[in-house]
Amino acid sequence: MDHRYIEQHSLADRYLDHALPPPERAAFEAHLVDCQECTDRVLLAEMFHNRNGKSAAKSVDPQPQPRPRVAIKPRLFWLLTAAALLLLLIPCGFFLWELHALRP
């Protein structure tokens, strides 16, 4: 890959936009390993993109916002608690009744 081809086809910009087809992207990345001039060109294009609000990297929220807590009304809380206790007491009561029936 030569510099004239890179300039004519705006490979640095297309590289940052993820618009290069995989074979061309691989060839360009291999070229970047050995060419400081093209690496500088990509860094310059990246700074230009960032300055103009077109970021090459996906922006990630540095601190995820905590989810708002869902407030359960006290009446609903006690109703759910009573239902859970009943669901536990019914099998326990049945087990005790069966255990009592087995006694001589």
Protein backbone atom coordinates (compact mmCIF):
# COMPACT_ATOMS: atom_id res chain seq x y z
CA MET A 1 0.00 0.00 0.00
CA ASP A 2 1.49 3.35 -1.01
CA HIS A 3 0.91 6.86 0.32
CA ARG A 4 -0.67 8.16 -2.88
CA TYR A 5 -3.37 5.47 -2.69
CA ILE A 6 -3.92 6.27 1.00
CA GLU A 7 -4.36 9.98 0.25
CA GLN A 8 -6.52 9.54 -2.84
CA HIS A 9 -8.95 7.22 -1.08
CA SER A 10 -8.92 8.98 2.33
CA LEU A 11 -8.05 5.75 4.08
CA ALA A 12 -7.27 7.41 7.42
CA ASP A 13 -10.74 8.97 7.63
CA ARG A 14 -12.47 5.83 6.36
CA TYR A 15 -10.43 3.75 8.82
CA LEU A 16 -11.68 5.86 11.73
CA ASP A 17 -15.26 5.66 10.43
CA HIS A 18 -14.98 1.84 10.21
CA ALA A 19 -15.85 2.16 6.52
CA LEU A 20 -13.00 0.07 5.09
CA PRO A 21 -13.73 -3.42 3.83
CA PRO A 22 -11.91 -6.10 5.87
CA PRO A 23 -9.11 -6.84 3.34
CA GLU A 24 -8.33 -3.13 2.87
CA ARG A 25 -8.53 -2.54 6.62
CA ALA A 26 -6.06 -5.38 7.28
CA ALA A 27 -3.66 -4.03 4.63
CA PHE A 28 -3.91 -0.51 6.06
CA GLU A 29 -3.30 -1.74 9.63
CA ALA A 30 -0.27 -3.71 8.43
CA HIS A 31 1.01 -0.56 6.75
CA LEU A 32 0.48 1.47 9.94
CA VAL A 33 2.82 -0.82 11.85
CA ASP A 34 5.79 0.22 9.71
CA CYS A 35 4.84 3.78 8.68
CA GLN A 36 5.07 6.57 11.24
CA GLU A 37 3.82 9.12 8.71
CA CYS A 38 0.52 7.27 8.23
CA THR A 39 0.19 6.63 11.96
CA ASP A 40 0.53 10.38 12.51
CA ARG A 41 -2.04 10.96 9.76
CA VAL A 42 -4.53 8.67 11.54
CA LEU A 43 -3.89 10.40 14.88
CA LEU A 44 -4.40 13.80 13.26
CA ALA A 45 -7.62 12.65 11.61
CA GLU A 46 -8.80 11.26 14.96
CA MET A 47 -8.12 14.59 16.68
CA PHE A 48 -10.02 16.36 13.89
CA HIS A 49 -12.97 13.99 14.27
CA ASN A 50 -13.00 14.44 18.05
CA ARG A 51 -12.82 18.20 17.79
CA ASN A 52 -15.72 18.31 15.37
CA GLY A 53 -17.87 16.01 17.45
CA LYS A 54 -17.35 12.95 15.28
CA SER A 55 -15.66 10.51 17.62
CA ALA A 56 -14.05 7.38 16.23
CA ALA A 57 -14.52 5.49 19.46
CA LYS A 58 -17.93 4.70 20.81
CA SER A 59 -18.64 7.07 23.65
CA VAL A 60 -19.16 5.27 26.93
CA ASP A 61 -20.82 6.86 29.90
CA PRO A 62 -18.00 7.06 32.48
CA GLN A 63 -20.32 6.44 35.43
CA PRO A 64 -23.51 4.54 34.83
CA GLN A 65 -26.47 6.20 36.44
CA PRO A 66 -28.02 4.23 39.29
CA ARG A 67 -31.45 2.88 38.58
CA PRO A 68 -34.16 4.65 40.53
CA ARG A 69 -35.48 2.66 43.44
CA VAL A 70 -39.05 1.55 43.17
CA ALA A 71 -40.93 2.48 46.30
CA ILE A 72 -43.38 -0.15 47.50
CA LYS A 73 -46.30 1.23 49.44
CA PRO A 74 -46.46 -0.09 53.03
CA ARG A 75 -49.86 -1.70 52.48
CA LEU A 76 -48.61 -3.60 49.44
CA PHE A 77 -45.48 -4.64 51.35
CA TRP A 78 -47.52 -6.18 54.17
CA LEU A 79 -49.89 -7.85 51.72
CA LEU A 80 -46.97 -9.46 49.86
CA THR A 81 -45.38 -10.50 53.15
CA ALA A 82 -48.61 -12.12 54.34
CA ALA A 83 -49.00 -13.95 51.01
CA ALA A 84 -45.43 -15.27 51.23
CA LEU A 85 -46.00 -16.47 54.80
CA LEU A 86 -49.20 -18.24 53.78
CA LEU A 87 -47.40 -19.95 50.94
CA LEU A 88 -44.83 -21.21 53.44
CA LEU A 89 -47.29 -22.12 56.20
CA ILE A 90 -49.65 -24.21 54.06
CA PRO A 91 -47.02 -26.86 53.13
CA CYS A 92 -45.65 -26.83 56.70
CA GLY A 93 -49.13 -27.31 58.11
CA PHE A 94 -49.84 -30.13 55.68
CA PHE A 95 -46.55 -31.82 56.64
CA LEU A 96 -47.38 -31.56 60.37
CA TRP A 97 -50.89 -32.88 59.78
CA GLU A 98 -49.50 -35.89 57.87
CA LEU A 99 -46.88 -36.44 60.56
CA HIS A 100 -49.61 -36.36 63.23
CA ALA A 101 -51.71 -38.84 61.24
CA LEU A 102 -48.82 -41.33 61.21
CA ARG A 103 -48.62 -41.48 65.01
CA PRO A 104 -50.29 -44.50 66.64
